[in-house]
Amino acid sequence: MIKTIALITGGYSGESVISYKTAAAIEQNIDTEKWKYYTIDITTQGWFYSSPTGETINIDKNDFSITINNEKITFDAALIALHGTPGEDGKLQGYFDCLNIPYTSCDAATSALTFNKRYTVAVAAFAGIKVAKSVLLLKNNFVNADEIISTLTFPVFVKPNNGGSSIGMSKVNNASDELGVAIEKAFKEDNQVLVEEFIKGREFTIGVFKTKGEIIALPITEIITKNKFFDFEAKYNGASEEITPANVEEAIAEKVRAAAKKAYTVFNCNGIVRIDFIYDETSAQPYMLEINTVPGQTSASLVPQQVKAMGWSLKEFYSALLQECFTK
């Protein structure tokens, strides 16, 4: 029996532009012999479905349903393709939990935790996963950069604590005026800013997902950016070289895979997540940067590259994610 799926896109943040591209890519790869889908746009103006005839149909938030030609349509599951809030920070997950609607991402607690970069690295460090040293700045309590200068070694990354796609992120090489500018830039995106020591090494990212109860690590991608770091332009406008699968010694690859699977387990992840690492050749250890619980699925995104490198089609992959969400 074909199940009815809500493909969730949009969002309340600047990442919505990526959400629409992700949803469009998924639409092209859903197995319509197994799933009937409706693309649901969640915005600050409302939640709605746009019919093929151009009609805008509002979502009934009481039970997350739509009514078309006097027929009420409910959903067996939600395929979350919404980056940023409210799809990546646990808000939608909590709502769907209340309605007992399965979904393809991590649960509300894990999504909320991993959306906060500071909390993520704190839990990872507690679990024995190596992370960079960092300082959290709160907008209402932040006075000046002196506290950072005294506790961290430059260069550093300055980034919004909650968010993704490298929006509002900067690399600062020394404790000069550029630090204040970078902090101000990040505060425009979030009331919390994370300042994190730069770790010199090779940058790897790896998708991890669960299917039939088994945690699977996708082939690793190495990122070689043409910019100062893997920023928005490098991610989405071609200013980086992405090598999938990475040309890396098996001993290093196994350390990255092991750290990624450990993080997936420690954070109680579900669905597909993408975990970013820097491999520090001095210590011969991978350092975890962050966990992306709704990784991009656009033509420029990394997870689709990794899925294809594993020998799967995207149609098979999205079906596996949907099938797994019914077993949680």
C-alpha atoms as a PDB file:
ATOM      1  CA  MET A   1       0.000   0.000   0.000  1.00  0.00           C
ATOM      2  CA  ILE A   2       1.362   3.414  -0.978  1.00  0.00           C
ATOM      3  CA  LYS A   3       1.924   5.668   2.046  1.00  0.00           C
ATOM      4  CA  THR A   4       1.245   9.401   2.028  1.00  0.00           C
ATOM      5  CA  ILE A   5       4.247  11.586   2.848  1.00  0.00           C
ATOM      6  CA  ALA A   6       4.579  15.258   3.718  1.00  0.00           C
ATOM      7  CA  LEU A   7       7.803  16.641   2.227  1.00  0.00           C
ATOM      8  CA  ILE A   8       8.563  19.572   4.534  1.00  0.00           C
ATOM      9  CA  THR A   9      10.392  22.629   3.184  1.00  0.00           C
ATOM     10  CA  GLY A  10      10.707  26.383   3.784  1.00  0.00           C
ATOM     11  CA  GLY A  11      11.646  27.670   7.218  1.00  0.00           C
ATOM     12  CA  TYR A  12      11.886  30.808   9.289  1.00  0.00           C
ATOM     13  CA  SER A  13      15.564  31.648   8.661  1.00  0.00           C
ATOM     14  CA  GLY A  14      17.918  32.598   5.857  1.00  0.00           C
ATOM     15  CA  GLU A  15      18.516  28.901   5.247  1.00  0.00           C
ATOM     16  CA  SER A  16      15.078  28.606   3.645  1.00  0.00           C
ATOM     17  CA  VAL A  17      16.636  29.262   0.227  1.00  0.00           C
ATOM     18  CA  ILE A  18      18.599  26.012   0.640  1.00  0.00           C
ATOM     19  CA  SER A  19      15.509  24.201   1.959  1.00  0.00           C
ATOM     20  CA  TYR A  20      13.663  24.839  -1.306  1.00  0.00           C
ATOM     21  CA  LYS A  21      16.591  23.518  -3.341  1.00  0.00           C
ATOM     22  CA  THR A  22      16.828  20.442  -1.109  1.00  0.00           C
ATOM     23  CA  ALA A  23      13.108  19.735  -1.466  1.00  0.00           C
ATOM     24  CA  ALA A  24      13.263  20.171  -5.241  1.00  0.00           C
ATOM     25  CA  ALA A  25      16.106  17.646  -5.455  1.00  0.00           C
ATOM     26  CA  ILE A  26      14.244  15.139  -3.273  1.00  0.00           C
ATOM     27  CA  GLU A  27      11.078  15.523  -5.380  1.00  0.00           C
ATOM     28  CA  GLN A  28      13.047  14.302  -8.389  1.00  0.00           C
ATOM     29  CA  ASN A  29      14.120  11.156  -6.529  1.00  0.00           C
ATOM     30  CA  ILE A  30      11.104   9.958  -4.557  1.00  0.00           C
ATOM     31  CA  ASP A  31       9.932   6.491  -5.576  1.00  0.00           C
ATOM     32  CA  THR A  32       6.329   7.325  -6.460  1.00  0.00           C
ATOM     33  CA  GLU A  33       5.507   3.631  -6.711  1.00  0.00           C
ATOM     34  CA  LYS A  34       5.994   3.451  -2.928  1.00  0.00           C
ATOM     35  CA  TRP A  35       5.200   6.960  -1.723  1.00  0.00           C
ATOM     36  CA  LYS A  36       2.621   9.614  -2.554  1.00  0.00           C
ATOM     37  CA  TYR A  37       4.001  12.972  -1.463  1.00  0.00           C
ATOM     38  CA  TYR A  38       2.754  16.499  -0.927  1.00  0.00           C
ATOM     39  CA  THR A  39       5.298  19.296  -0.564  1.00  0.00           C
ATOM     40  CA  ILE A  40       4.403  21.407   2.464  1.00  0.00           C
ATOM     41  CA  ASP A  41       5.866  24.918   2.727  1.00  0.00           C
ATOM     42  CA  ILE A  42       6.345  26.184   6.288  1.00  0.00           C
ATOM     43  CA  THR A  43       6.980  29.932   6.475  1.00  0.00           C
ATOM     44  CA  THR A  44       6.427  32.798   8.877  1.00  0.00           C
ATOM     45  CA  GLN A  45       3.397  33.737   6.757  1.00  0.00           C
ATOM     46  CA  GLY A  46       1.795  30.320   7.180  1.00  0.00           C
ATOM     47  CA  TRP A  47       1.923  26.589   6.517  1.00  0.00           C
ATOM     48  CA  PHE A  48       0.465  25.556   3.190  1.00  0.00           C
ATOM     49  CA  TYR A  49       0.379  23.218   0.218  1.00  0.00           C
ATOM     50  CA  SER A  50       0.372  24.593  -3.327  1.00  0.00           C
ATOM     51  CA  SER A  51      -1.668  22.378  -5.624  1.00  0.00           C
ATOM     52  CA  PRO A  52      -0.677  21.673  -9.243  1.00  0.00           C
ATOM     53  CA  THR A  53      -3.416  24.120 -10.280  1.00  0.00           C
ATOM     54  CA  GLY A  54      -1.814  26.897  -8.215  1.00  0.00           C
ATOM     55  CA  GLU A  55      -4.305  26.814  -5.364  1.00  0.00           C
ATOM     56  CA  THR A  56      -2.856  27.542  -1.916  1.00  0.00           C
ATOM     57  CA  ILE A  57      -4.275  25.206   0.709  1.00  0.00           C
ATOM     58  CA  ASN A  58      -3.589  25.943   4.368  1.00  0.00           C
ATOM     59  CA  ILE A  59      -2.488  23.219   6.747  1.00  0.00           C
ATOM     60  CA  ASP A  60      -4.845  22.383   9.587  1.00  0.00           C
ATOM     61  CA  LYS A  61      -2.345  22.477  12.453  1.00  0.00           C
ATOM     62  CA  ASN A  62      -4.732  20.632  14.761  1.00  0.00           C
ATOM     63  CA  ASP A  63      -3.862  17.362  13.027  1.00  0.00           C
ATOM     64  CA  PHE A  64      -1.440  18.418  10.251  1.00  0.00           C
ATOM     65  CA  SER A  65      -3.868  17.740   7.428  1.00  0.00           C
ATOM     66  CA  ILE A  66      -5.018  19.379   4.208  1.00  0.00           C
ATOM     67  CA  THR A  67      -8.401  19.298   2.518  1.00  0.00           C
ATOM     68  CA  ILE A  68      -8.566  19.062  -1.278  1.00  0.00           C
ATOM     69  CA  ASN A  69     -11.928  18.928  -3.058  1.00  0.00           C
ATOM     70  CA  ASN A  70     -13.640  18.218   0.254  1.00  0.00           C
ATOM     71  CA  GLU A  71     -11.303  15.247   0.879  1.00  0.00           C
ATOM     72  CA  LYS A  72      -9.253  15.370   4.062  1.00  0.00           C
ATOM     73  CA  ILE A  73      -5.681  14.167   3.583  1.00  0.00           C
ATOM     74  CA  THR A  74      -3.540  13.100   6.526  1.00  0.00           C
ATOM     75  CA  PHE A  75       0.070  11.976   6.420  1.00  0.00           C
ATOM     76  CA  ASP A  76       1.693   8.686   7.350  1.00  0.00           C
ATOM     77  CA  ALA A  77       5.100  10.340   7.800  1.00  0.00           C
ATOM     78  CA  ALA A  78       7.073  13.548   7.274  1.00  0.00           C
ATOM     79  CA  LEU A  79      10.243  13.745   5.219  1.00  0.00           C
ATOM     80  CA  ILE A  80      11.960  16.783   6.701  1.00  0.00           C
ATOM     81  CA  ALA A  81      13.889  18.871   4.166  1.00  0.00           C
ATOM     82  CA  LEU A  82      13.739  22.123   6.128  1.00  0.00           C
ATOM     83  CA  HIS A  83      17.096  23.569   7.168  1.00  0.00           C
ATOM     84  CA  GLY A  84      17.316  25.853  10.184  1.00  0.00           C
ATOM     85  CA  THR A  85      14.364  26.658  12.409  1.00  0.00           C
ATOM     86  CA  PRO A  86      11.808  25.112  12.919  1.00  0.00           C
ATOM     87  CA  GLY A  87      12.830  21.913  11.090  1.00  0.00           C
ATOM     88  CA  GLU A  88      16.347  21.386  12.378  1.00  0.00           C
ATOM     89  CA  ASP A  89      16.091  22.639  15.959  1.00  0.00           C
ATOM     90  CA  GLY A  90      13.505  20.212  17.305  1.00  0.00           C
ATOM     91  CA  LYS A  91      10.388  22.383  17.121  1.00  0.00           C
ATOM     92  CA  LEU A  92       8.699  20.488  14.289  1.00  0.00           C
ATOM     93  CA  GLN A  93       9.854  17.177  15.720  1.00  0.00           C
ATOM     94  CA  GLY A  94       8.132  17.946  19.022  1.00  0.00           C
ATOM     95  CA  TYR A  95       4.965  18.932  17.154  1.00  0.00           C
ATOM     96  CA  PHE A  96       4.985  15.698  15.139  1.00  0.00           C
ATOM     97  CA  ASP A  97       5.623  13.691  18.308  1.00  0.00           C
ATOM     98  CA  CYS A  98       2.481  15.199  19.821  1.00  0.00           C
ATOM     99  CA  LEU A  99       0.515  14.104  16.746  1.00  0.00           C
ATOM    100  CA  ASN A 100       2.204  10.685  16.590  1.00  0.00           C
ATOM    101  CA  ILE A 101       3.435  11.315  13.031  1.00  0.00           C
ATOM    102  CA  PRO A 102       6.760   9.590  12.218  1.00  0.00           C
ATOM    103  CA  TYR A 103       9.507  11.666  10.600  1.00  0.00           C
ATOM    104  CA  THR A 104      12.881  11.107   8.964  1.00  0.00           C
ATOM    105  CA  SER A 105      15.139  13.171  11.210  1.00  0.00           C
ATOM    106  CA  CYS A 106      16.545  13.021  14.735  1.00  0.00           C
ATOM    107  CA  ASP A 107      14.060  13.444  17.570  1.00  0.00           C
ATOM    108  CA  ALA A 108      13.215  16.744  19.249  1.00  0.00           C
ATOM    109  CA  ALA A 109      15.840  16.476  22.000  1.00  0.00           C
ATOM    110  CA  THR A 110      18.719  15.526  19.685  1.00  0.00           C
ATOM    111  CA  SER A 111      17.732  18.122  17.091  1.00  0.00           C
ATOM    112  CA  ALA A 112      17.597  20.899  19.697  1.00  0.00           C
ATOM    113  CA  LEU A 113      20.896  19.833  21.250  1.00  0.00           C
ATOM    114  CA  THR A 114      22.859  19.541  18.009  1.00  0.00           C
ATOM    115  CA  PHE A 115      21.433  22.811  16.652  1.00  0.00           C
ATOM    116  CA  ASN A 116      23.330  24.500  19.486  1.00  0.00           C
ATOM    117  CA  LYS A 117      26.979  24.177  18.515  1.00  0.00           C
ATOM    118  CA  ARG A 118      28.267  24.865  22.035  1.00  0.00           C
ATOM    119  CA  TYR A 119      26.089  22.199  23.615  1.00  0.00           C
ATOM    120  CA  THR A 120      27.101  19.769  20.877  1.00  0.00           C
ATOM    121  CA  VAL A 121      30.832  20.094  21.447  1.00  0.00           C
ATOM    122  CA  ALA A 122      30.350  19.995  25.231  1.00  0.00           C
ATOM    123  CA  VAL A 123      28.480  16.682  25.062  1.00  0.00           C
ATOM    124  CA  ALA A 124      30.941  15.319  22.502  1.00  0.00           C
ATOM    125  CA  ALA A 125      33.903  16.196  24.735  1.00  0.00           C
ATOM    126  CA  PHE A 126      32.189  14.584  27.727  1.00  0.00           C
ATOM    127  CA  ALA A 127      31.800  11.407  25.648  1.00  0.00           C
ATOM    128  CA  GLY A 128      35.482  11.366  24.715  1.00  0.00           C
ATOM    129  CA  ILE A 129      35.098  12.737  21.170  1.00  0.00           C
ATOM    130  CA  LYS A 130      37.824  15.277  20.422  1.00  0.00           C
ATOM    131  CA  VAL A 131      36.668  18.866  19.762  1.00  0.00           C
ATOM    132  CA  ALA A 132      38.310  22.279  19.455  1.00  0.00           C
ATOM    133  CA  LYS A 133      38.534  24.643  22.425  1.00  0.00           C
ATOM    134  CA  SER A 134      35.856  27.338  22.299  1.00  0.00           C
ATOM    135  CA  VAL A 135      34.170  30.253  24.077  1.00  0.00           C
ATOM    136  CA  LEU A 136      30.452  31.068  23.999  1.00  0.00           C
ATOM    137  CA  LEU A 137      29.388  34.724  23.867  1.00  0.00           C
ATOM    138  CA  LEU A 138      25.904  35.847  24.897  1.00  0.00           C
ATOM    139  CA  LYS A 139      24.652  39.058  23.312  1.00  0.00           C
ATOM    140  CA  ASN A 140      23.198  40.561  26.485  1.00  0.00           C
ATOM    141  CA  ASN A 141      26.303  39.743  28.551  1.00  0.00           C
ATOM    142  CA  PHE A 142      29.092  40.370  26.052  1.00  0.00           C
ATOM    143  CA  VAL A 143      31.259  43.413  26.798  1.00  0.00           C
ATOM    144  CA  ASN A 144      34.454  43.088  24.724  1.00  0.00           C
ATOM    145  CA  ALA A 145      36.797  40.599  23.127  1.00  0.00           C
ATOM    146  CA  ASP A 146      39.414  40.607  25.890  1.00  0.00           C
ATOM    147  CA  GLU A 147      38.049  37.416  27.445  1.00  0.00           C
ATOM    148  CA  ILE A 148      38.523  35.632  24.112  1.00  0.00           C
ATOM    149  CA  ILE A 149      42.040  36.904  23.559  1.00  0.00           C
ATOM    150  CA  SER A 150      43.128  35.614  26.950  1.00  0.00           C
ATOM    151  CA  THR A 151      41.653  32.125  26.662  1.00  0.00           C
ATOM    152  CA  LEU A 152      41.995  31.074  23.016  1.00  0.00           C
ATOM    153  CA  THR A 153      44.863  30.705  20.565  1.00  0.00           C
ATOM    154  CA  PHE A 154      44.461  32.390  17.193  1.00  0.00           C
ATOM    155  CA  PRO A 155      43.377  31.913  14.463  1.00  0.00           C
ATOM    156  CA  VAL A 156      39.755  31.316  15.468  1.00  0.00           C
ATOM    157  CA  PHE A 157      36.390  30.811  13.827  1.00  0.00           C
ATOM    158  CA  VAL A 158      33.535  33.092  14.842  1.00  0.00           C
ATOM    159  CA  LYS A 159      30.064  31.779  14.048  1.00  0.00           C
ATOM    160  CA  PRO A 160      26.442  31.938  15.172  1.00  0.00           C
ATOM    161  CA  ASN A 161      25.888  29.277  17.805  1.00  0.00           C
ATOM    162  CA  ASN A 162      22.555  28.247  16.302  1.00  0.00           C
ATOM    163  CA  GLY A 163      22.372  27.942  12.546  1.00  0.00           C
ATOM    164  CA  GLY A 164      23.946  26.416   9.494  1.00  0.00           C
ATOM    165  CA  SER A 165      25.155  26.854   5.907  1.00  0.00           C
ATOM    166  CA  SER A 166      28.075  28.907   7.333  1.00  0.00           C
ATOM    167  CA  ILE A 167      25.867  32.015   7.345  1.00  0.00           C
ATOM    168  CA  GLY A 168      27.431  34.720   9.556  1.00  0.00           C
ATOM    169  CA  MET A 169      30.694  32.800   9.951  1.00  0.00           C
ATOM    170  CA  SER A 170      34.194  34.326   9.806  1.00  0.00           C
ATOM    171  CA  LYS A 171      37.799  33.250  10.247  1.00  0.00           C
ATOM    172  CA  VAL A 172      39.945  35.636  12.300  1.00  0.00           C
ATOM    173  CA  ASN A 173      43.718  35.243  12.120  1.00  0.00           C
ATOM    174  CA  ASN A 174      44.762  37.521  14.979  1.00  0.00           C
ATOM    175  CA  ALA A 175      43.384  39.543  17.864  1.00  0.00           C
ATOM    176  CA  SER A 176      42.867  42.715  15.843  1.00  0.00           C
ATOM    177  CA  ASP A 177      39.896  44.872  14.978  1.00  0.00           C
ATOM    178  CA  GLU A 178      38.645  42.127  12.648  1.00  0.00           C
ATOM    179  CA  LEU A 179      37.620  40.052  15.679  1.00  0.00           C
ATOM    180  CA  GLY A 180      35.088  42.658  16.754  1.00  0.00           C
ATOM    181  CA  VAL A 181      33.741  42.920  13.218  1.00  0.00           C
ATOM    182  CA  ALA A 182      33.394  39.137  13.010  1.00  0.00           C
ATOM    183  CA  ILE A 183      31.570  38.966  16.336  1.00  0.00           C
ATOM    184  CA  GLU A 184      29.200  41.742  15.268  1.00  0.00           C
ATOM    185  CA  LYS A 185      28.517  39.889  11.999  1.00  0.00           C
ATOM    186  CA  ALA A 186      27.679  36.671  13.857  1.00  0.00           C
ATOM    187  CA  PHE A 187      25.442  38.474  16.370  1.00  0.00           C
ATOM    188  CA  LYS A 188      23.309  39.677  13.439  1.00  0.00           C
ATOM    189  CA  GLU A 189      22.332  36.030  12.896  1.00  0.00           C
ATOM    190  CA  ASP A 190      22.002  34.833  16.498  1.00  0.00           C
ATOM    191  CA  ASN A 191      22.006  36.051  20.099  1.00  0.00           C
ATOM    192  CA  GLN A 192      24.729  33.507  20.879  1.00  0.00           C
ATOM    193  CA  VAL A 193      28.121  33.402  19.170  1.00  0.00           C
ATOM    194  CA  LEU A 194      30.704  30.635  19.336  1.00  0.00           C
ATOM    195  CA  VAL A 195      34.393  31.497  19.021  1.00  0.00           C
ATOM    196  CA  GLU A 196      36.391  28.358  18.343  1.00  0.00           C
ATOM    197  CA  GLU A 197      40.094  27.675  17.925  1.00  0.00           C
ATOM    198  CA  PHE A 198      41.210  26.791  14.412  1.00  0.00           C
ATOM    199  CA  ILE A 199      42.632  23.294  14.023  1.00  0.00           C
ATOM    200  CA  LYS A 200      45.022  22.892  11.145  1.00  0.00           C
ATOM    201  CA  GLY A 201      44.441  19.732   9.189  1.00  0.00           C
ATOM    202  CA  ARG A 202      42.447  18.023   6.491  1.00  0.00           C
ATOM    203  CA  GLU A 203      38.709  18.682   6.422  1.00  0.00           C
ATOM    204  CA  PHE A 204      36.466  15.654   6.108  1.00  0.00           C
ATOM    205  CA  THR A 205      32.713  15.292   6.208  1.00  0.00           C
ATOM    206  CA  ILE A 206      30.741  12.078   6.387  1.00  0.00           C
ATOM    207  CA  GLY A 207      27.091  11.145   6.222  1.00  0.00           C
ATOM    208  CA  VAL A 208      25.776   8.583   8.678  1.00  0.00           C
ATOM    209  CA  PHE A 209      22.330   7.005   8.663  1.00  0.00           C
ATOM    210  CA  LYS A 210      20.444   4.058  10.060  1.00  0.00           C
ATOM    211  CA  THR A 211      18.625   1.460   8.011  1.00  0.00           C
ATOM    212  CA  LYS A 212      17.106  -1.807   9.238  1.00  0.00           C
ATOM    213  CA  GLY A 213      18.576  -0.963  12.639  1.00  0.00           C
ATOM    214  CA  GLU A 214      22.169  -0.792  11.320  1.00  0.00           C
ATOM    215  CA  ILE A 215      24.272   2.383  11.501  1.00  0.00           C
ATOM    216  CA  ILE A 216      25.972   2.963   8.151  1.00  0.00           C
ATOM    217  CA  ALA A 217      28.761   5.438   7.441  1.00  0.00           C
ATOM    218  CA  LEU A 218      28.760   6.745   3.881  1.00  0.00           C
ATOM    219  CA  PRO A 219      31.998   7.247   1.925  1.00  0.00           C
ATOM    220  CA  ILE A 220      34.011  10.183   3.264  1.00  0.00           C
ATOM    221  CA  THR A 221      34.315  13.498   1.411  1.00  0.00           C
ATOM    222  CA  GLU A 222      37.446  15.638   1.692  1.00  0.00           C
ATOM    223  CA  ILE A 223      36.844  19.355   1.272  1.00  0.00           C
ATOM    224  CA  ILE A 224      39.560  21.567  -0.164  1.00  0.00           C
ATOM    225  CA  THR A 225      38.248  25.128  -0.190  1.00  0.00           C
ATOM    226  CA  LYS A 226      39.487  27.931  -2.400  1.00  0.00           C
ATOM    227  CA  ASN A 227      38.372  30.443   0.235  1.00  0.00           C
ATOM    228  CA  LYS A 228      39.667  31.033   3.753  1.00  0.00           C
ATOM    229  CA  PHE A 229      37.327  28.287   4.947  1.00  0.00           C
ATOM    230  CA  PHE A 230      34.300  26.267   3.823  1.00  0.00           C
ATOM    231  CA  ASP A 231      31.892  29.229   3.829  1.00  0.00           C
ATOM    232  CA  PHE A 232      28.527  29.743   2.103  1.00  0.00           C
ATOM    233  CA  GLU A 233      30.159  30.574  -1.250  1.00  0.00           C
ATOM    234  CA  ALA A 234      32.394  27.511  -1.060  1.00  0.00           C
ATOM    235  CA  LYS A 235      29.450  25.291  -0.142  1.00  0.00           C
ATOM    236  CA  TYR A 236      26.943  26.464  -2.728  1.00  0.00           C
ATOM    237  CA  ASN A 237      28.754  28.508  -5.389  1.00  0.00           C
ATOM    238  CA  GLY A 238      31.544  26.149  -6.368  1.00  0.00           C
ATOM    239  CA  ALA A 239      34.448  27.754  -4.483  1.00  0.00           C
ATOM    240  CA  SER A 240      35.680  24.420  -3.191  1.00  0.00           C
ATOM    241  CA  GLU A 241      36.899  21.055  -4.374  1.00  0.00           C
ATOM    242  CA  GLU A 242      35.000  18.114  -2.922  1.00  0.00           C
ATOM    243  CA  ILE A 243      36.586  14.711  -3.345  1.00  0.00           C
ATOM    244  CA  THR A 244      34.211  11.783  -2.852  1.00  0.00           C
ATOM    245  CA  PRO A 245      35.329   9.250  -1.870  1.00  0.00           C
ATOM    246  CA  ALA A 246      38.259  10.969  -0.202  1.00  0.00           C
ATOM    247  CA  ASN A 247      41.734   9.951  -1.286  1.00  0.00           C
ATOM    248  CA  VAL A 248      42.840   9.067   2.217  1.00  0.00           C
ATOM    249  CA  GLU A 249      44.746   6.276   3.918  1.00  0.00           C
ATOM    250  CA  GLU A 250      42.476   3.572   5.289  1.00  0.00           C
ATOM    251  CA  ALA A 251      43.865   4.034   8.816  1.00  0.00           C
ATOM    252  CA  ILE A 252      42.746   7.691   8.805  1.00  0.00           C
ATOM    253  CA  ALA A 253      39.413   6.880   7.152  1.00  0.00           C
ATOM    254  CA  GLU A 254      38.646   4.278   9.788  1.00  0.00           C
ATOM    255  CA  LYS A 255      39.293   6.779  12.590  1.00  0.00           C
ATOM    256  CA  VAL A 256      36.875   9.241  10.983  1.00  0.00           C
ATOM    257  CA  ARG A 257      34.227   6.554  10.426  1.00  0.00           C
ATOM    258  CA  ALA A 258      34.576   5.305  13.994  1.00  0.00           C
ATOM    259  CA  ALA A 259      34.282   8.823  15.441  1.00  0.00           C
ATOM    260  CA  ALA A 260      31.236   9.521  13.252  1.00  0.00           C
ATOM    261  CA  LYS A 261      29.452   6.313  14.278  1.00  0.00           C
ATOM    262  CA  LYS A 262      30.267   7.006  17.915  1.00  0.00           C
ATOM    263  CA  ALA A 263      28.801  10.503  17.647  1.00  0.00           C
ATOM    264  CA  TYR A 264      25.673   9.107  15.942  1.00  0.00           C
ATOM    265  CA  THR A 265      25.221   6.729  18.877  1.00  0.00           C
ATOM    266  CA  VAL A 266      26.128   9.197  21.646  1.00  0.00           C
ATOM    267  CA  PHE A 267      23.674  11.796  20.360  1.00  0.00           C
ATOM    268  CA  ASN A 268      20.950   9.201  19.716  1.00  0.00           C
ATOM    269  CA  CYS A 269      20.641  10.254  16.076  1.00  0.00           C
ATOM    270  CA  ASN A 270      18.095   9.003  13.579  1.00  0.00           C
ATOM    271  CA  GLY A 271      17.754   9.429   9.848  1.00  0.00           C
ATOM    272  CA  ILE A 272      20.636  10.910   7.881  1.00  0.00           C
ATOM    273  CA  VAL A 273      23.072  13.278   9.566  1.00  0.00           C
ATOM    274  CA  ARG A 274      26.311  14.756   8.260  1.00  0.00           C
ATOM    275  CA  ILE A 275      29.213  15.142  10.665  1.00  0.00           C
ATOM    276  CA  ASP A 276      32.146  17.464   9.947  1.00  0.00           C
ATOM    277  CA  PHE A 277      35.692  16.765  11.123  1.00  0.00           C
ATOM    278  CA  ILE A 278      39.178  18.216  10.959  1.00  0.00           C
ATOM    279  CA  TYR A 279      41.860  15.554  10.978  1.00  0.00           C
ATOM    280  CA  ASP A 280      44.794  16.891  12.993  1.00  0.00           C
ATOM    281  CA  GLU A 281      47.897  15.184  11.619  1.00  0.00           C
ATOM    282  CA  THR A 282      49.996  16.204  14.634  1.00  0.00           C
ATOM    283  CA  SER A 283      47.862  14.228  17.077  1.00  0.00           C
ATOM    284  CA  ALA A 284      46.671  11.801  14.383  1.00  0.00           C
ATOM    285  CA  GLN A 285      43.082  12.266  15.557  1.00  0.00           C
ATOM    286  CA  PRO A 286      39.840  13.566  14.021  1.00  0.00           C
ATOM    287  CA  TYR A 287      38.279  16.569  15.774  1.00  0.00           C
ATOM    288  CA  MET A 288      34.516  16.878  15.425  1.00  0.00           C
ATOM    289  CA  LEU A 289      33.257  20.298  14.336  1.00  0.00           C
ATOM    290  CA  GLU A 290      29.492  19.881  14.244  1.00  0.00           C
ATOM    291  CA  ILE A 291      26.549  17.616  13.474  1.00  0.00           C
ATOM    292  CA  ASN A 292      24.061  18.570  10.756  1.00  0.00           C
ATOM    293  CA  THR A 293      20.790  16.745  11.394  1.00  0.00           C
ATOM    294  CA  VAL A 294      19.101  17.931   8.179  1.00  0.00           C
ATOM    295  CA  PRO A 295      21.980  17.916   5.684  1.00  0.00           C
ATOM    296  CA  GLY A 296      21.468  19.431   2.254  1.00  0.00           C
ATOM    297  CA  GLN A 297      20.278  17.292  -0.650  1.00  0.00           C
ATOM    298  CA  THR A 298      20.849  19.786  -3.470  1.00  0.00           C
ATOM    299  CA  SER A 299      22.957  19.126  -6.544  1.00  0.00           C
ATOM    300  CA  ALA A 300      25.800  20.913  -4.727  1.00  0.00           C
ATOM    301  CA  SER A 301      25.357  18.976  -1.486  1.00  0.00           C
ATOM    302  CA  LEU A 302      27.692  16.358  -0.075  1.00  0.00           C
ATOM    303  CA  VAL A 303      25.398  13.570   1.113  1.00  0.00           C
ATOM    304  CA  PRO A 304      24.007  12.846  -2.389  1.00  0.00           C
ATOM    305  CA  GLN A 305      27.605  12.574  -3.639  1.00  0.00           C
ATOM    306  CA  GLN A 306      28.367  10.086  -0.871  1.00  0.00           C
ATOM    307  CA  VAL A 307      25.212   8.040  -1.497  1.00  0.00           C
ATOM    308  CA  LYS A 308      26.141   7.655  -5.159  1.00  0.00           C
ATOM    309  CA  ALA A 309      29.732   6.764  -4.222  1.00  0.00           C
ATOM    310  CA  MET A 310      28.323   3.972  -2.036  1.00  0.00           C
ATOM    311  CA  GLY A 311      26.573   2.570  -5.100  1.00  0.00           C
ATOM    312  CA  TRP A 312      23.010   3.477  -4.108  1.00  0.00           C
ATOM    313  CA  SER A 313      20.553   5.556  -6.063  1.00  0.00           C
ATOM    314  CA  LEU A 314      18.958   8.522  -4.308  1.00  0.00           C
ATOM    315  CA  LYS A 315      15.582   6.875  -4.876  1.00  0.00           C
ATOM    316  CA  GLU A 316      16.750   3.847  -2.858  1.00  0.00           C
ATOM    317  CA  PHE A 317      18.245   6.108  -0.203  1.00  0.00           C
ATOM    318  CA  TYR A 318      15.140   8.225   0.449  1.00  0.00           C
ATOM    319  CA  SER A 319      12.979   5.093   0.530  1.00  0.00           C
ATOM    320  CA  ALA A 320      15.329   3.600   3.132  1.00  0.00           C
ATOM    321  CA  LEU A 321      15.069   6.744   5.270  1.00  0.00           C
ATOM    322  CA  LEU A 322      11.291   6.712   5.073  1.00  0.00           C
ATOM    323  CA  GLN A 323      11.011   3.013   5.825  1.00  0.00           C
ATOM    324  CA  GLU A 324      13.288   3.373   8.845  1.00  0.00           C
ATOM    325  CA  CYS A 325      11.247   6.189  10.377  1.00  0.00           C
ATOM    326  CA  PHE A 326       8.320   3.769  10.818  1.00  0.00           C
ATOM    327  CA  THR A 327      10.484   1.517  13.021  1.00  0.00           C
ATOM    328  CA  LYS A 328      11.470   4.160  15.596  1.00  0.00           C
END
